[in-house]
Amino acid sequence: AKPQRTAMSMEEAKQFLRAEPADGGPSLYDHLSQVLLKVILERPADANQFFEEISAAVRTEATKTAPPPADEGAAEVVPPAKEAQLKWVDTQSAMFVESTEDAPEGATFPDLYREAAMWKWAGIGFGDDENYRLYLALKALAVSKETGVRFWGKIITRGGDYYVAEVKSSEEDFAEIDPNLMEGAMGPNKYTYFVTKGTGEPWTQLPHVTPKQIVVARQIKRFLTGDLTAPVCSYPPFPGGTEANLLRAQIAQITADCVLSLKGLVKAGEEDDKEVVPEEEEDAAVDGELNELSTWVHAEIDIMPHGRCQAMPEKDEEEEGGEEEPVEYPEPKEPCGEIAEDVVEETGKALWILRTCPGGAGVGPKSLVYAKSLKWPGGGSVAAGKKGSNRSR
């Protein structure tokens, strides 16, 4: 009598094909899957005719013996690429450890996710992952320095980029500095800057800048190397001599030219020194349309041709003795100047362009406006309503 065949469901058939053989090799289901995958990838001319050969080749590859395990005493050989990845993971992992202590009262850091959403409409961004790591790095800096931190931007170099963070300088830092040689917190040293080559790596404080460094930095052109200690070989010779000093001089110029606000949100200070201060909250109101150049104003003091923001300090009578003729310096520009006044002297061409985001058919009452600098490519501001953000890259 012939054995009676019983019908099998699909699941039962799969279980039968997936049964592990006695020799511990792959199941028939896995073997057929690999054979069909090989046929699809290689596309032989007559797969049906050579099916057995393909099956044998797959079985041969599956039964290849693995290399013997390394001796227990031998050091593990890590490929260079994997070693670099593991090192990067180690530098990042420390930022993700949650602190058990409360942050200091003065430690504040930017809401990068809100700012990133605005910059994304302008076509600029680092990506969600990098934004979060950068947020953690700025938070760690603010906590360690117990002060407010602003993300200034990113400087691209030949050997890795610089992330730049900004904190307010203290008047005490300049108590023993000759004001004729370096301007204090009312000039280009109003802020102190920290840089890092990557999130998770330590922040390095840049030195304060002198007027002579700014003057010479305007006369030379140089690609940054990514090494703060690299010498700056130029003519005229650059005072300070290192890339850290040159980077600081460039940051001072970009800050003075590209940090913007909206007319009606800032005003000139009432003191003798030139200064920009926020408008009183009850009086703050944007005066004009965002898509007009006259609505945008500079939120930092302009740096004059001799590298200073304020007038030269008056000399004492004892210092004035001598036959040298006094040097006449230009008057500083008035604070809160409109960017509509920023033009190329020779041609009168505007140094700023405005772009509505989204533009075209997507323009709406809540569209933001991107102000882009043509003098400093990558520098600019975005604003929507009273909210704005400045960044350089």
Protein backbone atom coordinates (compact mmCIF):
# COMPACT_ATOMS: atom_id res chain seq x y z
CA ALA A 1 0.00 0.00 0.00
CA LYS A 2 1.28 3.49 -0.87
CA PRO A 3 1.82 5.95 2.04
CA GLN A 4 -1.01 8.46 2.22
CA ARG A 5 0.07 12.08 1.54
CA THR A 6 -1.24 14.79 3.83
CA ALA A 7 -1.64 18.45 2.77
CA MET A 8 0.79 20.96 4.40
CA SER A 9 0.11 24.60 5.16
CA MET A 10 2.55 27.30 4.06
CA GLU A 11 3.91 27.69 7.59
CA GLU A 12 4.41 23.95 7.93
CA ALA A 13 6.23 23.87 4.61
CA LYS A 14 8.56 26.67 5.74
CA GLN A 15 9.28 24.87 9.00
CA PHE A 16 10.11 21.71 7.08
CA LEU A 17 12.53 23.57 4.77
CA ARG A 18 14.10 25.42 7.71
CA ALA A 19 14.83 22.25 9.64
CA GLU A 20 18.52 22.17 10.61
CA PRO A 21 20.47 19.23 9.13
CA ALA A 22 22.29 16.82 11.37
CA ASP A 23 25.74 18.08 10.27
CA GLY A 24 24.95 21.58 11.59
CA GLY A 25 25.11 23.25 8.15
CA PRO A 26 22.62 25.74 6.73
CA SER A 27 19.03 24.63 6.26
CA LEU A 28 17.58 23.84 2.84
CA TYR A 29 15.56 27.07 3.02
CA ASP A 30 18.69 29.15 3.66
CA HIS A 31 20.63 27.33 0.95
CA LEU A 32 17.94 27.89 -1.68
CA SER A 33 17.69 31.54 -0.66
CA GLN A 34 21.43 32.00 -1.21
CA VAL A 35 21.28 30.18 -4.54
CA LEU A 36 18.44 32.38 -5.81
CA LEU A 37 20.23 35.49 -4.57
CA LYS A 38 23.38 34.48 -6.46
CA VAL A 39 21.32 33.89 -9.62
CA ILE A 40 19.67 37.32 -9.33
CA LEU A 41 22.96 39.17 -8.69
CA GLU A 42 25.11 37.38 -11.28
CA ARG A 43 22.38 36.77 -13.91
CA PRO A 44 23.97 33.78 -15.72
CA ALA A 45 22.95 33.22 -19.36
CA ASP A 46 21.25 29.87 -18.68
CA ALA A 47 20.53 29.66 -14.98
CA ASN A 48 18.33 26.59 -15.31
CA GLN A 49 21.05 24.56 -17.02
CA PHE A 50 23.75 25.51 -14.52
CA PHE A 51 21.55 25.45 -11.42
CA GLU A 52 23.38 22.47 -9.91
CA GLU A 53 26.79 24.11 -10.43
CA ILE A 54 25.53 27.34 -8.82
CA SER A 55 24.16 25.34 -5.90
CA ALA A 56 27.50 23.56 -5.45
CA ALA A 57 29.38 26.87 -5.56
CA VAL A 58 27.12 28.32 -2.86
CA ARG A 59 27.57 25.23 -0.69
CA THR A 60 31.36 25.41 -1.11
CA GLU A 61 31.45 29.07 0.00
CA ALA A 62 29.27 28.27 3.00
CA THR A 63 31.51 25.44 4.19
CA LYS A 64 34.78 27.38 4.01
CA THR A 65 36.60 27.11 7.31
CA ALA A 66 37.05 30.29 9.33
CA PRO A 67 40.58 31.38 10.24
CA PRO A 68 41.85 29.96 13.54
CA PRO A 69 41.25 32.16 16.58
CA ALA A 70 44.12 34.34 17.71
CA ASP A 71 46.20 33.28 20.66
CA GLU A 72 44.91 34.54 23.99
CA GLY A 73 48.17 36.34 24.73
CA ALA A 74 48.44 37.99 21.30
CA ALA A 75 47.36 41.64 20.90
CA GLU A 76 44.28 42.23 18.80
CA VAL A 77 45.08 43.81 15.46
CA VAL A 78 42.64 46.67 14.82
CA PRO A 79 42.42 48.10 11.30
CA PRO A 80 43.31 51.82 11.11
CA ALA A 81 39.81 52.79 9.99
CA LYS A 82 38.17 50.94 12.86
CA GLU A 83 40.69 52.37 15.32
CA ALA A 84 39.77 55.90 14.21
CA GLN A 85 36.07 55.10 14.59
CA LEU A 86 36.57 53.74 18.11
CA LYS A 87 38.57 56.82 19.08
CA TRP A 88 35.81 59.09 17.76
CA VAL A 89 33.17 57.13 19.72
CA ASP A 90 35.21 57.57 22.90
CA THR A 91 35.36 61.36 22.45
CA GLN A 92 31.62 61.60 21.84
CA SER A 93 30.38 59.22 24.53
CA ALA A 94 31.45 61.48 27.42
CA MET A 95 28.98 64.17 26.30
CA PHE A 96 26.03 61.78 26.57
CA VAL A 97 26.59 61.02 30.27
CA GLU A 98 23.84 62.76 32.22
CA SER A 99 25.13 65.02 34.99
CA THR A 100 23.81 64.53 38.52
CA GLU A 101 24.46 68.18 39.43
CA ASP A 102 22.39 71.22 38.51
CA ALA A 103 23.86 73.58 35.93
CA PRO A 104 25.35 76.82 37.33
CA GLU A 105 22.96 79.76 37.41
CA GLY A 106 24.89 81.79 34.85
CA ALA A 107 25.34 78.95 32.36
CA THR A 108 23.13 79.51 29.32
CA PHE A 109 23.41 77.97 25.88
CA PRO A 110 21.57 78.39 22.57
CA ASP A 111 18.47 76.53 21.46
CA LEU A 112 20.14 75.09 18.40
CA TYR A 113 17.07 73.14 17.28
CA ARG A 114 14.96 76.29 16.96
CA GLU A 115 17.79 78.10 15.18
CA ALA A 116 18.47 75.08 12.96
CA ALA A 117 14.84 75.05 11.82
CA MET A 118 15.18 78.67 10.68
CA TRP A 119 18.51 78.10 8.93
CA LYS A 120 17.19 75.01 7.20
CA TRP A 121 14.69 77.16 5.32
CA ALA A 122 17.65 79.22 4.13
CA GLY A 123 19.35 76.08 2.82
CA ILE A 124 22.00 75.96 5.56
CA GLY A 125 22.41 73.26 8.18
CA PHE A 126 24.63 70.62 9.77
CA GLY A 127 22.06 67.82 10.06
CA ASP A 128 20.13 66.62 13.09
CA ASP A 129 22.90 64.38 14.47
CA GLU A 130 25.62 67.02 14.29
CA ASN A 131 23.27 69.68 15.66
CA TYR A 132 22.59 67.59 18.75
CA ARG A 133 26.28 66.82 19.35
CA LEU A 134 27.08 70.51 18.90
CA TYR A 135 24.31 71.39 21.36
CA LEU A 136 25.87 69.07 23.95
CA ALA A 137 29.35 70.52 23.32
CA LEU A 138 28.11 74.11 23.78
CA LYS A 139 26.23 73.10 26.91
CA ALA A 140 29.38 71.54 28.37
CA LEU A 141 31.35 74.73 27.61
CA ALA A 142 28.69 76.92 29.24
CA VAL A 143 28.66 74.75 32.37
CA SER A 144 32.46 74.64 32.66
CA LYS A 145 32.82 78.43 32.24
CA GLU A 146 29.61 79.25 34.17
CA THR A 147 28.58 81.83 31.59
CA GLY A 148 26.35 82.35 28.57
CA VAL A 149 27.53 80.84 25.28
CA ARG A 150 26.48 81.63 21.71
CA PHE A 151 27.28 79.48 18.70
CA TRP A 152 29.18 81.83 16.42
CA GLY A 153 29.61 79.55 13.41
CA LYS A 154 32.03 77.27 11.62
CA ILE A 155 35.27 78.15 9.81
CA ILE A 156 36.34 75.79 7.02
CA THR A 157 40.07 75.01 6.79
CA ARG A 158 42.33 72.70 4.82
CA GLY A 159 42.79 70.35 7.77
CA GLY A 160 39.41 70.10 9.47
CA ASP A 161 36.92 72.77 10.43
CA TYR A 162 36.80 75.05 13.46
CA TYR A 163 33.57 75.25 15.46
CA VAL A 164 33.51 78.68 17.12
CA ALA A 165 31.71 79.58 20.36
CA GLU A 166 31.31 83.10 21.75
CA VAL A 167 31.13 84.32 25.37
CA LYS A 168 31.01 87.85 26.77
CA SER A 169 34.38 89.22 27.88
CA SER A 170 34.95 90.61 31.34
CA GLU A 171 36.35 94.09 32.01
CA GLU A 172 38.74 92.46 34.49
CA ASP A 173 40.53 90.73 31.60
CA PHE A 174 41.83 94.10 30.38
CA ALA A 175 42.61 95.80 33.71
CA GLU A 176 46.39 95.65 33.18
CA ILE A 177 46.44 96.10 29.40
CA ASP A 178 47.57 99.32 27.73
CA PRO A 179 44.45 100.71 25.98
CA ASN A 180 46.68 102.17 23.26
CA LEU A 181 47.86 98.70 22.30
CA MET A 182 44.63 96.72 22.71
CA GLU A 183 41.00 97.73 22.95
CA GLY A 184 39.04 96.17 25.77
CA ALA A 185 35.45 95.03 26.08
CA MET A 186 34.14 98.12 24.21
CA GLY A 187 35.98 97.13 21.05
CA PRO A 188 36.82 94.00 19.02
CA ASN A 189 37.47 92.18 22.31
CA LYS A 190 33.89 92.59 23.49
CA TYR A 191 33.64 88.81 23.20
CA THR A 192 35.98 85.94 23.94
CA TYR A 193 36.04 83.06 21.48
CA PHE A 194 36.63 79.34 21.89
CA VAL A 195 37.23 76.89 19.06
CA THR A 196 37.23 73.12 18.73
CA LYS A 197 37.99 70.82 15.83
CA GLY A 198 35.06 68.53 16.63
CA THR A 199 32.23 67.95 19.06
CA GLY A 200 33.49 66.08 22.11
CA GLU A 201 37.00 67.49 21.77
CA PRO A 202 38.29 70.17 24.18
CA TRP A 203 37.59 73.85 23.53
CA THR A 204 40.61 76.15 23.06
CA GLN A 205 40.39 79.83 23.96
CA LEU A 206 41.67 82.19 21.27
CA PRO A 207 43.90 85.12 22.30
CA HIS A 208 42.48 88.64 22.33
CA VAL A 209 43.06 90.68 19.19
CA THR A 210 45.03 93.90 18.75
CA PRO A 211 44.36 96.74 16.29
CA LYS A 212 47.61 96.01 14.45
CA GLN A 213 46.56 92.41 13.87
CA ILE A 214 43.26 93.53 12.35
CA VAL A 215 44.99 96.06 10.10
CA VAL A 216 47.45 93.47 8.73
CA ALA A 217 44.79 90.75 8.46
CA ARG A 218 42.93 93.03 6.03
CA GLN A 219 46.02 93.21 3.81
CA ILE A 220 46.78 89.48 3.44
CA LYS A 221 45.02 86.42 2.07
CA ARG A 222 45.67 82.97 3.44
CA PHE A 223 44.02 79.55 3.61
CA LEU A 224 43.69 78.38 7.21
CA THR A 225 45.45 75.08 7.94
CA GLY A 226 43.39 73.82 10.88
CA ASP A 227 46.41 74.07 13.22
CA LEU A 228 46.19 76.94 15.71
CA THR A 229 49.95 76.84 16.29
CA ALA A 230 50.86 77.03 12.59
CA PRO A 231 53.05 80.06 11.73
CA VAL A 232 51.56 82.75 9.49
CA CYS A 233 54.17 83.67 6.90
CA SER A 234 53.04 86.80 5.07
CA TYR A 235 53.96 90.24 3.87
CA PRO A 236 53.46 92.53 5.61
CA PRO A 237 54.45 90.38 8.60
CA PHE A 238 51.46 89.42 10.71
CA PRO A 239 51.74 90.45 14.40
CA GLY A 240 51.37 87.48 16.72
CA GLY A 241 52.57 85.11 14.05
CA THR A 242 50.25 82.13 14.60
CA GLU A 243 47.02 80.94 13.03
CA ALA A 244 45.21 81.41 16.35
CA ASN A 245 45.90 85.17 16.16
CA LEU A 246 44.89 85.38 12.49
CA LEU A 247 41.70 83.42 13.11
CA ARG A 248 40.80 85.75 15.97
CA ALA A 249 41.39 88.82 13.77
CA GLN A 250 39.14 87.41 11.05
CA ILE A 251 36.41 86.56 13.57
CA ALA A 252 36.50 90.15 14.85
CA GLN A 253 35.93 91.53 11.35
CA ILE A 254 33.15 89.08 10.48
CA THR A 255 31.39 89.78 13.78
CA ALA A 256 31.47 93.54 13.21
CA ASP A 257 30.21 93.23 9.63
CA CYS A 258 27.75 90.33 9.76
CA VAL A 259 25.98 90.32 13.15
CA LEU A 260 22.64 91.95 12.36
CA SER A 261 19.41 92.89 14.06
CA LEU A 262 16.18 94.56 12.99
CA LYS A 263 15.45 98.26 13.20
CA GLY A 264 13.42 98.90 16.32
CA LEU A 265 14.90 96.02 18.34
CA VAL A 266 18.27 97.67 19.13
CA LYS A 267 19.44 101.22 19.70
CA ALA A 268 22.61 103.21 20.30
CA GLY A 269 23.81 103.39 23.90
CA GLU A 270 23.54 106.61 25.87
CA GLU A 271 27.17 106.60 27.06
CA ASP A 272 30.03 108.46 25.36
CA ASP A 273 31.46 105.22 24.00
CA LYS A 274 29.85 103.81 20.85
CA GLU A 275 27.66 100.89 21.85
CA VAL A 276 24.61 98.93 20.66
CA VAL A 277 22.07 97.92 23.31
CA PRO A 278 18.68 96.14 23.11
CA GLU A 279 15.59 98.30 22.95
CA GLU A 280 13.30 98.31 25.97
CA GLU A 281 10.96 95.31 25.79
CA GLU A 282 7.79 97.43 25.85
CA ASP A 283 9.16 99.66 23.06
CA ALA A 284 10.67 96.89 20.90
CA ALA A 285 8.88 96.67 17.54
CA VAL A 286 10.24 95.95 14.07
CA ASP A 287 10.23 99.15 12.03
CA GLY A 288 9.79 98.10 8.40
CA GLU A 289 9.40 95.01 6.23
CA LEU A 290 11.89 92.16 6.56
CA ASN A 291 12.43 92.01 2.81
CA GLU A 292 13.79 95.60 2.75
CA LEU A 293 17.50 96.31 3.32
CA SER A 294 16.65 99.44 5.34
CA THR A 295 14.99 97.26 8.02
CA TRP A 296 18.22 95.41 8.83
CA VAL A 297 20.86 97.14 10.99
CA HIS A 298 24.26 96.26 12.37
CA ALA A 299 24.13 94.94 15.94
CA GLU A 300 27.86 95.40 16.59
CA ILE A 301 30.17 98.41 16.39
CA ASP A 302 32.07 98.92 13.13
CA ILE A 303 35.86 98.43 13.16
CA MET A 304 37.60 101.47 11.74
CA PRO A 305 40.53 101.37 9.27
CA HIS A 306 43.09 101.55 12.09
CA GLY A 307 41.63 98.42 13.77
CA ARG A 308 39.67 100.04 16.59
CA CYS A 309 35.97 100.52 17.37
CA GLN A 310 36.29 103.53 19.68
CA ALA A 311 38.29 106.73 19.37
CA MET A 312 41.90 106.60 20.52
CA PRO A 313 42.24 107.33 24.25
CA GLU A 314 43.46 110.83 25.00
CA LYS A 315 47.10 111.07 26.02
CA ASP A 316 48.24 112.68 29.24
CA GLU A 317 50.15 115.92 29.08
CA GLU A 318 53.35 114.09 29.97
CA GLU A 319 52.86 111.66 27.09
CA GLU A 320 52.12 114.47 24.63
CA GLY A 321 55.56 115.97 25.06
CA GLY A 322 57.69 115.52 21.96
CA GLU A 323 57.94 116.68 18.39
CA GLU A 324 55.86 113.92 16.77
CA GLU A 325 52.77 115.21 15.03
CA PRO A 326 49.52 113.71 16.31
CA VAL A 327 47.96 111.14 14.01
CA GLU A 328 44.43 111.91 12.89
CA TYR A 329 42.08 108.95 12.95
CA PRO A 330 38.65 108.78 11.29
CA GLU A 331 35.53 109.18 13.38
CA PRO A 332 33.76 105.94 14.27
CA LYS A 333 30.55 105.12 12.43
CA GLU A 334 27.31 105.68 14.24
CA PRO A 335 25.89 102.50 15.84
CA CYS A 336 22.90 100.66 14.33
CA GLY A 337 23.74 101.63 10.75
CA GLU A 338 21.51 100.19 8.03
CA ILE A 339 22.99 97.48 5.84
CA ALA A 340 21.55 99.38 2.87
CA GLU A 341 24.51 101.73 3.40
CA ASP A 342 27.03 98.89 2.92
CA VAL A 343 28.15 99.27 -0.69
CA VAL A 344 31.30 98.87 -2.76
CA GLU A 345 32.88 102.32 -2.92
CA GLU A 346 33.95 102.07 -6.56
CA THR A 347 30.69 100.74 -8.02
CA GLY A 348 28.02 101.44 -5.40
CA LYS A 349 26.98 97.77 -5.51
CA ALA A 350 25.17 96.53 -2.39
CA LEU A 351 27.09 94.12 -0.14
CA TRP A 352 23.94 92.35 1.04
CA ILE A 353 21.15 90.42 -0.64
CA LEU A 354 17.85 89.37 0.92
CA ARG A 355 15.98 86.16 0.14
CA THR A 356 12.52 85.18 1.36
CA CYS A 357 12.24 81.55 2.52
CA PRO A 358 10.16 79.90 1.21
CA GLY A 359 10.00 82.10 -1.86
CA GLY A 360 7.97 82.18 -5.03
CA ALA A 361 4.57 80.55 -4.70
CA GLY A 362 5.39 79.56 -1.10
CA VAL A 363 5.63 83.12 0.25
CA GLY A 364 3.38 83.62 3.26
CA PRO A 365 2.91 85.95 6.23
CA LYS A 366 5.21 83.78 8.37
CA SER A 367 7.99 83.40 5.79
CA LEU A 368 11.45 84.18 7.11
CA VAL A 369 14.05 86.33 5.38
CA TYR A 370 17.71 85.43 4.91
CA ALA A 371 20.25 88.28 4.74
CA LYS A 372 23.39 87.06 2.98
CA SER A 373 26.70 88.88 3.00
CA LEU A 374 28.54 89.27 -0.29
CA LYS A 375 31.65 90.58 1.46
CA TRP A 376 31.99 87.56 3.74
CA PRO A 377 30.62 84.48 1.90
CA GLY A 378 28.85 82.30 4.44
CA GLY A 379 28.10 85.14 6.84
CA GLY A 380 24.53 86.25 7.36
CA SER A 381 21.38 86.33 9.45
CA VAL A 382 17.85 84.97 9.31
CA ALA A 383 14.77 86.49 10.90
CA ALA A 384 11.05 85.83 11.21
CA GLY A 385 9.00 88.35 13.15
CA LYS A 386 11.13 89.45 16.11
CA LYS A 387 13.15 86.25 16.16
CA GLY A 388 16.54 86.23 14.51
CA SER A 389 19.76 84.25 14.36
CA ASN A 390 23.30 85.12 13.23
CA ARG A 391 25.79 82.58 12.03
CA SER A 392 28.94 82.33 9.92
CA ARG A 393 30.31 79.37 8.07
